[in-house]
Amino acid sequence: MSKVSLKVVVAGRTYPLTVQETEVEKVQHAADDINKAIKQLQDNFAVRDMQDLLAMTALQLSTRGGKAPATAGNAPQADFSEATAALKALSDDLDALN
């Protein structure tokens, strides 16, 4: 299997990742799920602090057992390990600013 480089945007920040070619779609889907969850939290709550939004999103996704919600075709569940690593890096960056 070959590895590919890709960039994913999570919470408005771009993260370069190297993943297996077979994992590209999963990683992109995970980033989309994270961004959708953040947007939903922003729309429904008065929270604007990105670190708080990321923490709440991480809790939401973790309580799902690290899996994406079921999709129309009962597709295999996504693995959020790459997205979790990106969230951790973003959280560390935000902590360094405080």
PDB file of N, CA and C in Angstrom:
ATOM      1  N   MET A   1       0.833  -1.176   0.000  1.00  0.00           N
ATOM      2  CA  MET A   1       0.000   0.000   0.000  1.00  0.00           C
ATOM      3  C   MET A   1       0.877   1.238   0.000  1.00  0.00           C
ATOM      4  N   SER A   2       0.447   2.219  -0.741  1.00  0.00           N
ATOM      5  CA  SER A   2       1.227   3.444  -0.784  1.00  0.00           C
ATOM      6  C   SER A   2       0.617   4.492   0.132  1.00  0.00           C
ATOM      7  N   LYS A   3       1.491   5.343   0.603  1.00  0.00           N
ATOM      8  CA  LYS A   3       1.036   6.444   1.444  1.00  0.00           C
ATOM      9  C   LYS A   3       0.876   7.677   0.575  1.00  0.00           C
ATOM     10  N   VAL A   4      -0.080   8.505   0.951  1.00  0.00           N
ATOM     11  CA  VAL A   4      -0.316   9.750   0.229  1.00  0.00           C
ATOM     12  C   VAL A   4      -0.357  10.892   1.235  1.00  0.00           C
ATOM     13  N   SER A   5       0.021  12.049   0.747  1.00  0.00           N
ATOM     14  CA  SER A   5      -0.052  13.255   1.566  1.00  0.00           C
ATOM     15  C   SER A   5      -1.336  13.980   1.228  1.00  0.00           C
ATOM     16  N   LEU A   6      -1.995  14.465   2.246  1.00  0.00           N
ATOM     17  CA  LEU A   6      -3.181  15.265   2.016  1.00  0.00           C
ATOM     18  C   LEU A   6      -3.263  16.318   3.098  1.00  0.00           C
ATOM     19  N   LYS A   7      -4.068  17.306   2.836  1.00  0.00           N
ATOM     20  CA  LYS A   7      -4.290  18.365   3.810  1.00  0.00           C
ATOM     21  C   LYS A   7      -5.763  18.344   4.180  1.00  0.00           C
ATOM     22  N   VAL A   8      -6.021  18.361   5.471  1.00  0.00           N
ATOM     23  CA  VAL A   8      -7.398  18.436   5.946  1.00  0.00           C
ATOM     24  C   VAL A   8      -7.559  19.723   6.737  1.00  0.00           C
ATOM     25  N   VAL A   9      -8.732  20.290   6.644  1.00  0.00           N
ATOM     26  CA  VAL A   9      -9.040  21.507   7.386  1.00  0.00           C
ATOM     27  C   VAL A   9      -9.962  21.129   8.535  1.00  0.00           C
ATOM     28  N   VAL A  10      -9.511  21.435   9.740  1.00  0.00           N
ATOM     29  CA  VAL A  10     -10.292  21.185  10.944  1.00  0.00           C
ATOM     30  C   VAL A  10     -10.367  22.501  11.708  1.00  0.00           C
ATOM     31  N   ALA A  11     -11.579  22.957  11.939  1.00  0.00           N
ATOM     32  CA  ALA A  11     -11.806  24.197  12.690  1.00  0.00           C
ATOM     33  C   ALA A  11     -11.066  25.378  12.070  1.00  0.00           C
ATOM     34  N   GLY A  12     -11.041  25.409  10.751  1.00  0.00           N
ATOM     35  CA  GLY A  12     -10.434  26.529  10.053  1.00  0.00           C
ATOM     36  C   GLY A  12      -8.925  26.478   9.928  1.00  0.00           C
ATOM     37  N   ARG A  13      -8.306  25.430  10.409  1.00  0.00           N
ATOM     38  CA  ARG A  13      -6.848  25.291  10.302  1.00  0.00           C
ATOM     39  C   ARG A  13      -6.526  24.089   9.441  1.00  0.00           C
ATOM     40  N   THR A  14      -5.481  24.232   8.651  1.00  0.00           N
ATOM     41  CA  THR A  14      -5.076  23.180   7.731  1.00  0.00           C
ATOM     42  C   THR A  14      -3.994  22.320   8.374  1.00  0.00           C
ATOM     43  N   TYR A  15      -4.172  21.004   8.254  1.00  0.00           N
ATOM     44  CA  TYR A  15      -3.218  20.049   8.801  1.00  0.00           C
ATOM     45  C   TYR A  15      -2.734  19.121   7.700  1.00  0.00           C
ATOM     46  N   PRO A  16      -1.422  19.088   7.468  1.00  0.00           N
ATOM     47  CA  PRO A  16      -0.890  18.131   6.498  1.00  0.00           C
ATOM     48  C   PRO A  16      -0.777  16.754   7.160  1.00  0.00           C
ATOM     49  N   LEU A  17      -1.251  15.742   6.475  1.00  0.00           N
ATOM     50  CA  LEU A  17      -1.210  14.374   6.992  1.00  0.00           C
ATOM     51  C   LEU A  17      -0.654  13.441   5.928  1.00  0.00           C
ATOM     52  N   THR A  18      -0.043  12.370   6.372  1.00  0.00           N
ATOM     53  CA  THR A  18       0.369  11.295   5.486  1.00  0.00           C
ATOM     54  C   THR A  18      -0.390  10.054   5.934  1.00  0.00           C
ATOM     55  N   VAL A  19      -1.181   9.497   5.025  1.00  0.00           N
ATOM     56  CA  VAL A  19      -2.025   8.351   5.359  1.00  0.00           C
ATOM     57  C   VAL A  19      -1.930   7.300   4.262  1.00  0.00           C
ATOM     58  N   GLN A  20      -2.384   6.110   4.595  1.00  0.00           N
ATOM     59  CA  GLN A  20      -2.470   5.066   3.581  1.00  0.00           C
ATOM     60  C   GLN A  20      -3.497   5.496   2.534  1.00  0.00           C
ATOM     61  N   GLU A  21      -3.252   5.122   1.315  1.00  0.00           N
ATOM     62  CA  GLU A  21      -4.155   5.489   0.225  1.00  0.00           C
ATOM     63  C   GLU A  21      -5.592   5.048   0.516  1.00  0.00           C
ATOM     64  N   THR A  22      -5.730   3.925   1.173  1.00  0.00           N
ATOM     65  CA  THR A  22      -7.066   3.405   1.485  1.00  0.00           C
ATOM     66  C   THR A  22      -7.759   4.187   2.603  1.00  0.00           C
ATOM     67  N   GLU A  23      -7.018   5.022   3.316  1.00  0.00           N
ATOM     68  CA  GLU A  23      -7.569   5.770   4.445  1.00  0.00           C
ATOM     69  C   GLU A  23      -7.966   7.204   4.093  1.00  0.00           C
ATOM     70  N   VAL A  24      -7.653   7.665   2.893  1.00  0.00           N
ATOM     71  CA  VAL A  24      -7.893   9.065   2.522  1.00  0.00           C
ATOM     72  C   VAL A  24      -9.355   9.448   2.712  1.00  0.00           C
ATOM     73  N   GLU A  25     -10.256   8.651   2.188  1.00  0.00           N
ATOM     74  CA  GLU A  25     -11.679   8.971   2.282  1.00  0.00           C
ATOM     75  C   GLU A  25     -12.143   9.002   3.739  1.00  0.00           C
ATOM     76  N   LYS A  26     -11.663   8.073   4.547  1.00  0.00           N
ATOM     77  CA  LYS A  26     -12.040   8.038   5.961  1.00  0.00           C
ATOM     78  C   LYS A  26     -11.577   9.297   6.685  1.00  0.00           C
ATOM     79  N   VAL A  27     -10.342   9.710   6.409  1.00  0.00           N
ATOM     80  CA  VAL A  27      -9.798  10.900   7.072  1.00  0.00           C
ATOM     81  C   VAL A  27     -10.568  12.143   6.653  1.00  0.00           C
ATOM     82  N   GLN A  28     -10.849  12.257   5.365  1.00  0.00           N
ATOM     83  CA  GLN A  28     -11.611  13.410   4.886  1.00  0.00           C
ATOM     84  C   GLN A  28     -13.017  13.417   5.481  1.00  0.00           C
ATOM     85  N   HIS A  29     -13.613  12.262   5.574  1.00  0.00           N
ATOM     86  CA  HIS A  29     -14.951  12.151   6.166  1.00  0.00           C
ATOM     87  C   HIS A  29     -14.906  12.530   7.645  1.00  0.00           C
ATOM     88  N   ALA A  30     -13.868  12.090   8.348  1.00  0.00           N
ATOM     89  CA  ALA A  30     -13.725  12.423   9.766  1.00  0.00           C
ATOM     90  C   ALA A  30     -13.578  13.930   9.950  1.00  0.00           C
ATOM     91  N   ALA A  31     -12.768  14.563   9.112  1.00  0.00           N
ATOM     92  CA  ALA A  31     -12.600  16.021   9.191  1.00  0.00           C
ATOM     93  C   ALA A  31     -13.931  16.717   8.925  1.00  0.00           C
ATOM     94  N   ASP A  32     -14.676  16.225   7.948  1.00  0.00           N
ATOM     95  CA  ASP A  32     -16.002  16.797   7.664  1.00  0.00           C
ATOM     96  C   ASP A  32     -16.933  16.644   8.867  1.00  0.00           C
ATOM     97  N   ASP A  33     -16.914  15.467   9.501  1.00  0.00           N
ATOM     98  CA  ASP A  33     -17.752  15.234  10.684  1.00  0.00           C
ATOM     99  C   ASP A  33     -17.387  16.200  11.811  1.00  0.00           C
ATOM    100  N   ILE A  34     -16.097  16.408  12.016  1.00  0.00           N
ATOM    101  CA  ILE A  34     -15.643  17.325  13.063  1.00  0.00           C
ATOM    102  C   ILE A  34     -16.122  18.740  12.763  1.00  0.00           C
ATOM    103  N   ASN A  35     -15.919  19.178  11.524  1.00  0.00           N
ATOM    104  CA  ASN A  35     -16.326  20.535  11.154  1.00  0.00           C
ATOM    105  C   ASN A  35     -17.839  20.722  11.249  1.00  0.00           C
ATOM    106  N   LYS A  36     -18.599  19.702  10.875  1.00  0.00           N
ATOM    107  CA  LYS A  36     -20.060  19.782  10.989  1.00  0.00           C
ATOM    108  C   LYS A  36     -20.485  19.854  12.455  1.00  0.00           C
ATOM    109  N   ALA A  37     -19.826  19.078  13.301  1.00  0.00           N
ATOM    110  CA  ALA A  37     -20.159  19.095  14.728  1.00  0.00           C
ATOM    111  C   ALA A  37     -19.840  20.461  15.337  1.00  0.00           C
ATOM    112  N   ILE A  38     -18.714  21.040  14.951  1.00  0.00           N
ATOM    113  CA  ILE A  38     -18.356  22.372  15.445  1.00  0.00           C
ATOM    114  C   ILE A  38     -19.391  23.389  14.992  1.00  0.00           C
ATOM    115  N   LYS A  39     -19.772  23.335  13.734  1.00  0.00           N
ATOM    116  CA  LYS A  39     -20.765  24.270  13.188  1.00  0.00           C
ATOM    117  C   LYS A  39     -22.094  24.124  13.929  1.00  0.00           C
ATOM    118  N   GLN A  40     -22.496  22.893  14.171  1.00  0.00           N
ATOM    119  CA  GLN A  40     -23.751  22.646  14.886  1.00  0.00           C
ATOM    120  C   GLN A  40     -23.694  23.229  16.301  1.00  0.00           C
ATOM    121  N   LEU A  41     -22.574  23.057  16.978  1.00  0.00           N
ATOM    122  CA  LEU A  41     -22.427  23.618  18.320  1.00  0.00           C
ATOM    123  C   LEU A  41     -22.464  25.145  18.282  1.00  0.00           C
ATOM    124  N   GLN A  42     -21.803  25.734  17.290  1.00  0.00           N
ATOM    125  CA  GLN A  42     -21.816  27.194  17.156  1.00  0.00           C
ATOM    126  C   GLN A  42     -23.230  27.705  16.916  1.00  0.00           C
ATOM    127  N   ASP A  43     -23.991  26.987  16.110  1.00  0.00           N
ATOM    128  CA  ASP A  43     -25.354  27.406  15.784  1.00  0.00           C
ATOM    129  C   ASP A  43     -26.317  27.254  16.963  1.00  0.00           C
ATOM    130  N   ASN A  44     -26.085  26.248  17.796  1.00  0.00           N
ATOM    131  CA  ASN A  44     -27.035  25.929  18.859  1.00  0.00           C
ATOM    132  C   ASN A  44     -26.675  26.485  20.234  1.00  0.00           C
ATOM    133  N   PHE A  45     -25.431  26.894  20.415  1.00  0.00           N
ATOM    134  CA  PHE A  45     -24.995  27.377  21.719  1.00  0.00           C
ATOM    135  C   PHE A  45     -24.239  28.687  21.559  1.00  0.00           C
ATOM    136  N   ALA A  46     -24.110  29.410  22.646  1.00  0.00           N
ATOM    137  CA  ALA A  46     -23.437  30.706  22.611  1.00  0.00           C
ATOM    138  C   ALA A  46     -21.931  30.567  22.816  1.00  0.00           C
ATOM    139  N   VAL A  47     -21.382  29.451  22.446  1.00  0.00           N
ATOM    140  CA  VAL A  47     -19.951  29.206  22.619  1.00  0.00           C
ATOM    141  C   VAL A  47     -19.220  29.674  21.368  1.00  0.00           C
ATOM    142  N   ARG A  48     -18.210  30.492  21.553  1.00  0.00           N
ATOM    143  CA  ARG A  48     -17.427  30.978  20.422  1.00  0.00           C
ATOM    144  C   ARG A  48     -15.954  30.596  20.541  1.00  0.00           C
ATOM    145  N   ASP A  49     -15.528  30.210  21.736  1.00  0.00           N
ATOM    146  CA  ASP A  49     -14.131  29.848  21.938  1.00  0.00           C
ATOM    147  C   ASP A  49     -13.839  28.526  21.228  1.00  0.00           C
ATOM    148  N   MET A  50     -12.885  28.556  20.293  1.00  0.00           N
ATOM    149  CA  MET A  50     -12.614  27.370  19.480  1.00  0.00           C
ATOM    150  C   MET A  50     -12.129  26.197  20.322  1.00  0.00           C
ATOM    151  N   GLN A  51     -11.364  26.462  21.369  1.00  0.00           N
ATOM    152  CA  GLN A  51     -10.897  25.363  22.208  1.00  0.00           C
ATOM    153  C   GLN A  51     -12.083  24.674  22.890  1.00  0.00           C
ATOM    154  N   ASP A  52     -13.040  25.456  23.355  1.00  0.00           N
ATOM    155  CA  ASP A  52     -14.244  24.868  23.953  1.00  0.00           C
ATOM    156  C   ASP A  52     -15.028  24.065  22.924  1.00  0.00           C
ATOM    157  N   LEU A  53     -15.163  24.607  21.721  1.00  0.00           N
ATOM    158  CA  LEU A  53     -15.886  23.899  20.659  1.00  0.00           C
ATOM    159  C   LEU A  53     -15.197  22.589  20.301  1.00  0.00           C
ATOM    160  N   LEU A  54     -13.870  22.611  20.222  1.00  0.00           N
ATOM    161  CA  LEU A  54     -13.129  21.384  19.918  1.00  0.00           C
ATOM    162  C   LEU A  54     -13.269  20.361  21.041  1.00  0.00           C
ATOM    163  N   ALA A  55     -13.236  20.831  22.275  1.00  0.00           N
ATOM    164  CA  ALA A  55     -13.393  19.911  23.404  1.00  0.00           C
ATOM    165  C   ALA A  55     -14.773  19.267  23.390  1.00  0.00           C
ATOM    166  N   MET A  56     -15.803  20.074  23.161  1.00  0.00           N
ATOM    167  CA  MET A  56     -17.163  19.526  23.120  1.00  0.00           C
ATOM    168  C   MET A  56     -17.334  18.574  21.937  1.00  0.00           C
ATOM    169  N   THR A  57     -16.723  18.900  20.810  1.00  0.00           N
ATOM    170  CA  THR A  57     -16.785  18.016  19.645  1.00  0.00           C
ATOM    171  C   THR A  57     -16.080  16.698  19.938  1.00  0.00           C
ATOM    172  N   ALA A  58     -14.924  16.772  20.579  1.00  0.00           N
ATOM    173  CA  ALA A  58     -14.196  15.552  20.938  1.00  0.00           C
ATOM    174  C   ALA A  58     -15.039  14.674  21.858  1.00  0.00           C
ATOM    175  N   LEU A  59     -15.727  15.295  22.805  1.00  0.00           N
ATOM    176  CA  LEU A  59     -16.601  14.528  23.696  1.00  0.00           C
ATOM    177  C   LEU A  59     -17.752  13.888  22.929  1.00  0.00           C
ATOM    178  N   GLN A  60     -18.351  14.645  22.023  1.00  0.00           N
ATOM    179  CA  GLN A  60     -19.450  14.099  21.215  1.00  0.00           C
ATOM    180  C   GLN A  60     -18.997  12.879  20.427  1.00  0.00           C
ATOM    181  N   LEU A  61     -17.867  13.020  19.740  1.00  0.00           N
ATOM    182  CA  LEU A  61     -17.392  11.926  18.899  1.00  0.00           C
ATOM    183  C   LEU A  61     -16.915  10.747  19.738  1.00  0.00           C
ATOM    184  N   SER A  62     -16.341  11.034  20.899  1.00  0.00           N
ATOM    185  CA  SER A  62     -15.878   9.954  21.772  1.00  0.00           C
ATOM    186  C   SER A  62     -17.033   9.143  22.325  1.00  0.00           C
ATOM    187  N   THR A  63     -18.134   9.799  22.631  1.00  0.00           N
ATOM    188  CA  THR A  63     -19.271   9.069  23.181  1.00  0.00           C
ATOM    189  C   THR A  63     -19.974   8.234  22.129  1.00  0.00           C
ATOM    190  N   ARG A  64     -19.652   8.475  20.875  1.00  0.00           N
ATOM    191  CA  ARG A  64     -20.164   7.623  19.800  1.00  0.00           C
ATOM    192  C   ARG A  64     -19.279   6.396  19.621  1.00  0.00           C
ATOM    193  N   GLY A  65     -18.291   6.239  20.470  1.00  0.00           N
ATOM    194  CA  GLY A  65     -17.387   5.106  20.348  1.00  0.00           C
ATOM    195  C   GLY A  65     -16.348   5.318  19.263  1.00  0.00           C
ATOM    196  N   GLY A  66     -16.073   6.586  18.912  1.00  0.00           N
ATOM    197  CA  GLY A  66     -15.077   6.874  17.894  1.00  0.00           C
ATOM    198  C   GLY A  66     -15.544   6.573  16.494  1.00  0.00           C
ATOM    199  N   LYS A  67     -16.845   6.453  16.310  1.00  0.00           N
ATOM    200  CA  LYS A  67     -17.365   6.099  14.992  1.00  0.00           C
ATOM    201  C   LYS A  67     -18.328   7.156  14.496  1.00  0.00           C
ATOM    202  N   ALA A  68     -18.383   7.261  13.193  1.00  0.00           N
ATOM    203  CA  ALA A  68     -19.296   8.213  12.562  1.00  0.00           C
ATOM    204  C   ALA A  68     -20.716   7.682  12.658  1.00  0.00           C
ATOM    205  N   PRO A  69     -21.702   8.556  12.570  1.00  0.00           N
ATOM    206  CA  PRO A  69     -23.081   8.070  12.557  1.00  0.00           C
ATOM    207  C   PRO A  69     -23.329   7.198  11.333  1.00  0.00           C
ATOM    208  N   ALA A  70     -24.284   6.316  11.433  1.00  0.00           N
ATOM    209  CA  ALA A  70     -24.597   5.428  10.310  1.00  0.00           C
ATOM    210  C   ALA A  70     -25.010   6.244   9.096  1.00  0.00           C
ATOM    211  N   THR A  71     -24.573   5.786   7.932  1.00  0.00           N
ATOM    212  CA  THR A  71     -24.916   6.479   6.699  1.00  0.00           C
ATOM    213  C   THR A  71     -25.970   5.691   5.948  1.00  0.00           C
ATOM    214  N   ALA A  72     -26.485   6.276   4.890  1.00  0.00           N
ATOM    215  CA  ALA A  72     -27.610   5.698   4.157  1.00  0.00           C
ATOM    216  C   ALA A  72     -27.360   4.266   3.699  1.00  0.00           C
ATOM    217  N   GLY A  73     -26.160   3.955   3.253  1.00  0.00           N
ATOM    218  CA  GLY A  73     -25.917   2.626   2.715  1.00  0.00           C
ATOM    219  C   GLY A  73     -25.273   1.675   3.693  1.00  0.00           C
ATOM    220  N   ASN A  74     -25.362   1.963   4.984  1.00  0.00           N
ATOM    221  CA  ASN A  74     -24.695   1.145   5.991  1.00  0.00           C
ATOM    222  C   ASN A  74     -23.223   0.953   5.668  1.00  0.00           C
ATOM    223  N   ALA A  75     -22.578   2.025   5.261  1.00  0.00           N
ATOM    224  CA  ALA A  75     -21.151   1.988   4.940  1.00  0.00           C
ATOM    225  C   ALA A  75     -20.365   1.679   6.207  1.00  0.00           C
ATOM    226  N   PRO A  76     -19.146   1.168   6.062  1.00  0.00           N
ATOM    227  CA  PRO A  76     -18.324   0.903   7.243  1.00  0.00           C
ATOM    228  C   PRO A  76     -18.127   2.186   8.049  1.00  0.00           C
ATOM    229  N   GLN A  77     -18.023   2.038   9.345  1.00  0.00           N
ATOM    230  CA  GLN A  77     -17.854   3.190  10.223  1.00  0.00           C
ATOM    231  C   GLN A  77     -16.446   3.770  10.070  1.00  0.00           C
ATOM    232  N   ALA A  78     -16.335   5.082  10.215  1.00  0.00           N
ATOM    233  CA  ALA A  78     -15.063   5.777  10.045  1.00  0.00           C
ATOM    234  C   ALA A  78     -14.178   5.598  11.274  1.00  0.00           C
ATOM    235  N   ASP A  79     -12.883   5.640  11.037  1.00  0.00           N
ATOM    236  CA  ASP A  79     -11.888   5.611  12.099  1.00  0.00           C
ATOM    237  C   ASP A  79     -11.421   7.052  12.307  1.00  0.00           C
ATOM    238  N   PHE A  80     -11.579   7.575  13.502  1.00  0.00           N
ATOM    239  CA  PHE A  80     -11.256   8.968  13.775  1.00  0.00           C
ATOM    240  C   PHE A  80      -9.848   9.160  14.323  1.00  0.00           C
ATOM    241  N   SER A  81      -8.975   8.169  14.232  1.00  0.00           N
ATOM    242  CA  SER A  81      -7.656   8.296  14.843  1.00  0.00           C
ATOM    243  C   SER A  81      -6.858   9.452  14.248  1.00  0.00           C
ATOM    244  N   GLU A  82      -6.907   9.634  12.943  1.00  0.00           N
ATOM    245  CA  GLU A  82      -6.187  10.745  12.318  1.00  0.00           C
ATOM    246  C   GLU A  82      -6.798  12.079  12.728  1.00  0.00           C
ATOM    247  N   ALA A  83      -8.112  12.148  12.751  1.00  0.00           N
ATOM    248  CA  ALA A  83      -8.783  13.389  13.149  1.00  0.00           C
ATOM    249  C   ALA A  83      -8.510  13.687  14.619  1.00  0.00           C
ATOM    250  N   THR A  84      -8.463  12.654  15.441  1.00  0.00           N
ATOM    251  CA  THR A  84      -8.158  12.840  16.849  1.00  0.00           C
ATOM    252  C   THR A  84      -6.754  13.403  17.017  1.00  0.00           C
ATOM    253  N   ALA A  85      -5.819  12.897  16.232  1.00  0.00           N
ATOM    254  CA  ALA A  85      -4.451  13.417  16.280  1.00  0.00           C
ATOM    255  C   ALA A  85      -4.415  14.882  15.849  1.00  0.00           C
ATOM    256  N   ALA A  86      -5.190  15.226  14.820  1.00  0.00           N
ATOM    257  CA  ALA A  86      -5.249  16.616  14.365  1.00  0.00           C
ATOM    258  C   ALA A  86      -5.866  17.501  15.440  1.00  0.00           C
ATOM    259  N   LEU A  87      -6.915  17.024  16.108  1.00  0.00           N
ATOM    260  CA  LEU A  87      -7.528  17.782  17.199  1.00  0.00           C
ATOM    261  C   LEU A  87      -6.551  17.978  18.355  1.00  0.00           C
ATOM    262  N   LYS A  88      -5.800  16.939  18.665  1.00  0.00           N
ATOM    263  CA  LYS A  88      -4.806  17.033  19.741  1.00  0.00           C
ATOM    264  C   LYS A  88      -3.764  18.077  19.395  1.00  0.00           C
ATOM    265  N   ALA A  89      -3.282  18.071  18.154  1.00  0.00           N
ATOM    266  CA  ALA A  89      -2.288  19.058  17.728  1.00  0.00           C
ATOM    267  C   ALA A  89      -2.858  20.466  17.814  1.00  0.00           C
ATOM    268  N   LEU A  90      -4.094  20.643  17.384  1.00  0.00           N
ATOM    269  CA  LEU A  90      -4.742  21.950  17.455  1.00  0.00           C
ATOM    270  C   LEU A  90      -4.915  22.383  18.904  1.00  0.00           C
ATOM    271  N   SER A  91      -5.323  21.478  19.755  1.00  0.00           N
ATOM    272  CA  SER A  91      -5.492  21.789  21.172  1.00  0.00           C
ATOM    273  C   SER A  91      -4.162  22.203  21.795  1.00  0.00           C
ATOM    274  N   ASP A  92      -3.090  21.492  21.452  1.00  0.00           N
ATOM    275  CA  ASP A  92      -1.766  21.842  21.962  1.00  0.00           C
ATOM    276  C   ASP A  92      -1.349  23.229  21.489  1.00  0.00           C
ATOM    277  N   ASP A  93      -1.637  23.535  20.217  1.00  0.00           N
ATOM    278  CA  ASP A  93      -1.327  24.865  19.681  1.00  0.00           C
ATOM    279  C   ASP A  93      -2.101  25.942  20.429  1.00  0.00           C
ATOM    280  N   LEU A  94      -3.377  25.692  20.685  1.00  0.00           N
ATOM    281  CA  LEU A  94      -4.194  26.663  21.415  1.00  0.00           C
ATOM    282  C   LEU A  94      -3.711  26.822  22.853  1.00  0.00           C
ATOM    283  N   ASP A  95      -3.305  25.726  23.487  1.00  0.00           N
ATOM    284  CA  ASP A  95      -2.773  25.804  24.846  1.00  0.00           C
ATOM    285  C   ASP A  95      -1.500  26.644  24.887  1.00  0.00           C
ATOM    286  N   ALA A  96      -0.680  26.532  23.857  1.00  0.00           N
ATOM    287  CA  ALA A  96       0.570  27.293  23.802  1.00  0.00           C
ATOM    288  C   ALA A  96       0.309  28.791  23.701  1.00  0.00           C
ATOM    289  N   LEU A  97      -0.835  29.171  23.147  1.00  0.00           N
ATOM    290  CA  LEU A  97      -1.182  30.584  23.015  1.00  0.00           C
ATOM    291  C   LEU A  97      -1.642  31.189  24.336  1.00  0.00           C
ATOM    292  N   ASN A  98      -2.117  30.360  25.241  1.00  0.00           N
ATOM    293  CA  ASN A  98      -2.657  30.865  26.521  1.00  0.00           C
ATOM    294  C   ASN A  98      -1.603  31.006  27.557  1.00  0.00           C
TER     295      ASN A  98
END
